[in-house]
Amino acid sequence: MLNVENVYKTFNMGTVNEKTALSGISLRLKEGEFVTVIGGNGAGKSSLLSAVAGVYGIDSGKIEIGGTDVTKFPEHKRAAYIGRVFQDPMTGTAANMGIEENLALAKRRGNRRGLRWGVSHAEREEYRARLAEFELGLEDRLTSKVGLLSGGQRQALTLIMATLKRPKLLLLDEHTAALDPKTAAKVLELSDRIVKNDNLTTMMVTHNMRDAIAHGERLIMLYEGKIIIDIAGDEKKRLKTKDLLEMFENLSGSEEADGGLLL
């Protein structure tokens, strides 16, 4: 479902601020595979997601989604293939619009616009049913402005919006980092449920090592723009935090397991 082939990306090339973010990254995800991505600050985690999403062009390499070469597609063209949830709960929704209006926008992504009622009765019932699954009380607040929701409620809504049309690829970019631990755990639970129920191919970037181990069937770790650890199946199920830290130190040749990795 996702094929990242020998991708390089350097920012500010030829200047004193030159920084290589991705250094020959190659990665393949099967349909329905849930992969967590971890690494220290500047390891290339968010750069990898942004490259896949088309936020910026890559210097060389190839990116395919669902068998389609999207390497030269701009961000808005890749939106037909990708659902994305960001770290900031304020991103990805229109704060001054109601919950059902935000869901309607997500439902119509990639479709031609026409002159008709914004939200039909059937759609409203669909949204109400979808929201009720998550037991956050949002199904009774369809007309409430999204800006009035808590961070956790808003992130749950963004998750639903990102997956409403069952994208070929779901990108979760540290989507619980701005939430308190209890709310973050709830949003991760919702993420697992959506990914499993809809069999979504998913890549989740996290700075939290325990979350990376606990979620998904496969874990990759980045260091200086390269994949240094790729673990799946039973080996991942047996993995402990201390084991992952030891592997990081051995493979990277560094003992600088920063604070983010130690969480």
Protein backbone atom coordinates (compact mmCIF):
# COMPACT_ATOMS: atom_id res chain seq x y z
CA MET A 1 0.00 0.00 0.00
CA LEU A 2 2.98 2.31 0.63
CA ASN A 3 6.34 2.10 -1.07
CA VAL A 4 9.05 4.60 -0.11
CA GLU A 5 12.13 3.89 -2.21
CA ASN A 6 15.59 5.37 -1.54
CA VAL A 7 14.27 8.80 -0.56
CA TYR A 8 16.63 11.69 0.18
CA LYS A 9 15.72 15.13 1.50
CA THR A 10 18.10 17.92 2.53
CA PHE A 11 16.94 21.31 3.76
CA ASN A 12 18.86 24.57 3.13
CA MET A 13 21.25 22.80 0.79
CA GLY A 14 24.52 24.64 0.21
CA THR A 15 24.15 26.91 3.23
CA VAL A 16 25.57 26.86 6.75
CA ASN A 17 22.15 25.59 7.89
CA GLU A 18 22.21 22.53 5.63
CA LYS A 19 20.45 19.58 7.27
CA THR A 20 19.91 16.13 5.81
CA ALA A 21 16.51 14.99 7.10
CA LEU A 22 16.12 11.76 5.11
CA SER A 23 19.11 9.76 3.93
CA GLY A 24 18.16 6.96 1.55
CA ILE A 25 14.99 5.86 3.37
CA SER A 26 13.27 2.77 1.93
CA LEU A 27 10.08 1.40 3.48
CA ARG A 28 7.19 -0.81 2.36
CA LEU A 29 3.85 -1.15 4.14
CA LYS A 30 1.37 -3.90 3.32
CA GLU A 31 -2.35 -3.23 3.17
CA GLY A 32 -3.79 -2.97 6.68
CA GLU A 33 -0.37 -2.82 8.35
CA PHE A 34 -0.05 -0.53 11.40
CA VAL A 35 3.50 0.75 11.86
CA THR A 36 4.77 2.96 14.67
CA VAL A 37 7.73 5.27 13.99
CA ILE A 38 10.02 6.47 16.78
CA GLY A 39 13.28 8.37 17.07
CA GLY A 40 14.96 11.25 18.85
CA ASN A 41 14.59 14.92 17.98
CA GLY A 42 15.79 15.53 14.43
CA ALA A 43 15.82 11.81 13.57
CA GLY A 44 13.53 12.35 10.57
CA LYS A 45 10.17 11.10 11.88
CA SER A 46 8.00 14.06 10.90
CA SER A 47 10.11 14.64 7.78
CA LEU A 48 9.22 11.14 6.62
CA LEU A 49 5.48 11.71 7.14
CA SER A 50 5.65 15.12 5.47
CA ALA A 51 7.49 13.66 2.48
CA VAL A 52 4.83 10.94 2.10
CA ALA A 53 2.04 13.53 2.47
CA GLY A 54 3.62 15.79 -0.16
CA VAL A 55 4.19 18.77 2.14
CA TYR A 56 7.45 19.30 0.25
CA GLY A 57 9.19 17.66 -2.68
CA ILE A 58 11.98 15.15 -2.16
CA ASP A 59 15.46 15.48 -3.67
CA SER A 60 15.48 11.95 -5.09
CA GLY A 61 13.75 8.60 -4.74
CA LYS A 62 10.17 7.43 -5.28
CA ILE A 63 6.94 7.31 -3.28
CA GLU A 64 3.99 5.11 -4.26
CA ILE A 65 0.61 4.84 -2.54
CA GLY A 66 -1.71 2.00 -3.51
CA GLY A 67 0.39 1.29 -6.60
CA THR A 68 0.23 4.90 -7.83
CA ASP A 69 3.46 6.88 -8.18
CA VAL A 70 2.74 10.09 -6.25
CA THR A 71 6.33 11.35 -6.13
CA LYS A 72 5.52 14.44 -8.17
CA PHE A 73 1.99 14.95 -6.81
CA PRO A 74 1.51 18.15 -4.78
CA GLU A 75 -0.01 17.90 -1.31
CA HIS A 76 -3.60 18.61 -2.40
CA LYS A 77 -3.51 15.81 -5.00
CA ARG A 78 -2.27 13.30 -2.43
CA ALA A 79 -5.23 14.18 -0.19
CA ALA A 80 -7.32 11.72 -2.22
CA TYR A 81 -5.10 8.90 -0.92
CA ILE A 82 -4.19 10.09 2.58
CA GLY A 83 -5.88 10.87 5.89
CA ARG A 84 -3.72 12.77 8.37
CA VAL A 85 -4.03 13.76 12.03
CA PHE A 86 -1.59 16.34 13.39
CA GLN A 87 -0.03 16.94 16.80
CA ASP A 88 -1.96 20.15 17.42
CA PRO A 89 -5.67 19.48 18.13
CA MET A 90 -6.40 22.89 16.55
CA THR A 91 -5.09 21.70 13.17
CA GLY A 92 -7.26 19.82 10.71
CA THR A 93 -10.63 21.28 11.70
CA ALA A 94 -12.49 24.56 11.16
CA ALA A 95 -12.98 25.98 14.67
CA ASN A 96 -15.83 28.35 13.76
CA MET A 97 -17.89 25.65 12.05
CA GLY A 98 -20.08 23.02 13.69
CA ILE A 99 -19.17 19.37 14.21
CA GLU A 100 -21.49 18.15 11.45
CA GLU A 101 -20.20 20.84 9.06
CA ASN A 102 -16.62 19.70 9.62
CA LEU A 103 -17.64 16.09 9.02
CA ALA A 104 -19.48 17.12 5.85
CA LEU A 105 -16.34 18.82 4.54
CA ALA A 106 -14.35 15.65 5.19
CA LYS A 107 -17.05 13.54 3.52
CA ARG A 108 -16.83 15.66 0.36
CA ARG A 109 -13.06 15.72 0.08
CA GLY A 110 -12.09 15.09 -3.52
CA ASN A 111 -15.69 15.39 -4.81
CA ARG A 112 -17.10 18.01 -7.15
CA ARG A 113 -19.05 20.74 -5.35
CA GLY A 114 -22.68 21.45 -6.26
CA LEU A 115 -25.64 23.54 -5.16
CA ARG A 116 -27.54 21.43 -2.65
CA TRP A 117 -28.22 21.26 1.08
CA GLY A 118 -24.96 21.13 3.03
CA VAL A 119 -25.89 18.19 5.28
CA SER A 120 -28.65 15.75 4.44
CA HIS A 121 -30.75 13.90 7.03
CA ALA A 122 -29.09 10.60 6.09
CA GLU A 123 -25.63 12.10 6.51
CA ARG A 124 -26.56 13.56 9.87
CA GLU A 125 -27.64 10.13 11.10
CA GLU A 126 -24.42 8.62 9.78
CA TYR A 127 -22.35 11.20 11.67
CA ARG A 128 -24.38 10.70 14.84
CA ALA A 129 -23.86 6.92 14.69
CA ARG A 130 -20.14 7.28 14.03
CA LEU A 131 -19.64 9.71 16.90
CA ALA A 132 -21.71 7.58 19.30
CA GLU A 133 -19.23 4.71 18.88
CA PHE A 134 -16.62 6.70 20.79
CA GLU A 135 -18.74 7.54 23.83
CA LEU A 136 -17.66 11.18 24.06
CA GLY A 137 -21.15 12.70 23.93
CA LEU A 138 -20.44 14.42 20.63
CA GLU A 139 -23.37 12.74 18.86
CA ASP A 140 -25.72 15.08 20.75
CA ARG A 141 -23.69 18.18 19.89
CA LEU A 142 -23.65 18.12 16.09
CA THR A 143 -24.24 21.85 15.76
CA SER A 144 -21.70 22.85 18.42
CA LYS A 145 -18.73 24.87 17.21
CA VAL A 146 -15.59 22.74 17.08
CA GLY A 147 -13.62 25.50 18.79
CA LEU A 148 -15.61 24.83 21.97
CA LEU A 149 -14.46 21.19 22.23
CA SER A 150 -11.70 19.94 24.50
CA GLY A 151 -8.39 18.88 22.98
CA GLY A 152 -9.27 15.19 23.27
CA GLN A 153 -12.72 15.64 21.76
CA ARG A 154 -11.27 17.63 18.91
CA GLN A 155 -8.57 15.08 18.23
CA ALA A 156 -11.19 12.29 18.22
CA LEU A 157 -13.24 14.31 15.73
CA THR A 158 -10.15 14.84 13.56
CA LEU A 159 -9.55 11.07 13.60
CA ILE A 160 -13.09 10.45 12.36
CA MET A 161 -12.72 13.13 9.69
CA ALA A 162 -9.41 11.69 8.49
CA THR A 163 -10.89 8.19 8.17
CA LEU A 164 -14.44 8.97 7.03
CA LYS A 165 -13.62 8.08 3.42
CA ARG A 166 -11.34 5.18 4.38
CA PRO A 167 -8.05 6.51 2.96
CA LYS A 168 -5.47 4.22 1.45
CA LEU A 169 -3.00 5.50 4.04
CA LEU A 170 -3.54 7.05 7.51
CA LEU A 171 -0.76 9.24 8.94
CA LEU A 172 -0.80 9.97 12.68
CA ASP A 173 1.81 12.64 13.40
CA GLU A 174 2.40 12.61 17.18
CA HIS A 175 -1.36 13.09 17.47
CA THR A 176 -1.45 12.59 21.26
CA ALA A 177 1.64 14.63 22.20
CA ALA A 178 -0.37 17.75 23.16
CA LEU A 179 -2.87 15.84 25.30
CA ASP A 180 -2.79 14.90 28.98
CA PRO A 181 -1.96 11.22 29.68
CA LYS A 182 -5.56 10.11 30.33
CA THR A 183 -6.91 11.81 27.20
CA ALA A 184 -3.96 10.59 25.14
CA ALA A 185 -4.70 7.00 26.19
CA LYS A 186 -8.34 7.43 25.11
CA VAL A 187 -7.38 8.85 21.71
CA LEU A 188 -4.89 6.01 21.17
CA GLU A 189 -7.63 3.52 22.04
CA LEU A 190 -9.89 5.17 19.44
CA SER A 191 -7.06 5.11 16.91
CA ASP A 192 -6.54 1.37 17.42
CA ARG A 193 -10.26 0.73 17.04
CA ILE A 194 -10.60 2.72 13.81
CA VAL A 195 -7.48 1.19 12.26
CA LYS A 196 -8.64 -2.34 13.10
CA ASN A 197 -12.30 -1.91 12.12
CA ASP A 198 -11.51 -0.25 8.78
CA ASN A 199 -8.32 -2.28 8.10
CA LEU A 200 -6.40 0.93 7.45
CA THR A 201 -2.74 1.01 6.47
CA THR A 202 -1.33 3.31 9.14
CA MET A 203 1.93 5.00 10.06
CA MET A 204 2.01 6.58 13.53
CA VAL A 205 4.88 8.81 14.59
CA THR A 206 5.35 9.06 18.35
CA HIS A 207 8.00 10.34 20.74
CA ASN A 208 6.80 7.89 23.39
CA MET A 209 8.65 4.59 23.39
CA ARG A 210 6.00 2.74 25.42
CA ASP A 211 3.28 3.80 22.97
CA ALA A 212 5.42 2.72 20.03
CA ILE A 213 5.80 -0.74 21.57
CA ALA A 214 2.17 -1.11 22.68
CA HIS A 215 0.50 -0.13 19.40
CA GLY A 216 0.71 -1.54 15.90
CA GLU A 217 2.22 -4.74 14.54
CA ARG A 218 5.53 -3.25 13.48
CA LEU A 219 7.98 -0.70 14.87
CA ILE A 220 10.69 1.25 13.08
CA MET A 221 13.23 3.58 14.65
CA LEU A 222 14.95 6.41 12.79
CA TYR A 223 18.36 7.91 13.52
CA GLU A 224 19.96 10.69 11.46
CA GLY A 225 17.46 10.19 8.64
CA LYS A 226 17.93 6.42 8.37
CA ILE A 227 15.98 3.38 9.57
CA ILE A 228 18.16 1.61 12.12
CA ILE A 229 15.55 -0.71 13.67
CA ASP A 230 12.64 -2.52 11.99
CA ILE A 231 10.81 -5.03 14.20
CA ALA A 232 7.54 -6.86 13.58
CA GLY A 233 5.45 -9.85 14.66
CA ASP A 234 6.36 -11.90 17.71
CA GLU A 235 9.68 -10.09 18.11
CA LYS A 236 7.81 -6.80 18.61
CA LYS A 237 5.31 -8.39 21.01
CA ARG A 238 8.18 -9.53 23.24
CA LEU A 239 9.92 -6.15 23.09
CA LYS A 240 10.56 -4.19 26.30
CA THR A 241 11.63 -0.55 26.63
CA LYS A 242 15.09 -1.47 27.93
CA ASP A 243 15.60 -3.85 24.99
CA LEU A 244 14.77 -1.09 22.53
CA LEU A 245 17.14 1.34 24.24
CA GLU A 246 19.96 -1.21 24.11
CA MET A 247 19.32 -1.84 20.42
CA PHE A 248 19.31 1.89 19.74
CA GLU A 249 22.64 2.39 21.49
CA ASN A 250 24.25 -0.59 19.76
CA LEU A 251 23.05 0.24 16.24
CA SER A 252 23.48 4.02 16.38
CA GLY A 253 26.78 3.94 18.23
CA SER A 254 25.34 6.62 20.50
CA GLU A 255 24.29 6.66 24.14
CA GLU A 256 22.36 9.89 23.61
CA ALA A 257 18.94 8.32 24.09
CA ASP A 258 17.33 11.69 24.63
CA GLY A 259 14.49 12.49 27.04
CA GLY A 260 11.87 11.88 24.38
CA LEU A 261 12.99 8.32 23.86
CA LEU A 262 13.06 7.61 27.58
CA LEU A 263 9.37 8.44 28.09
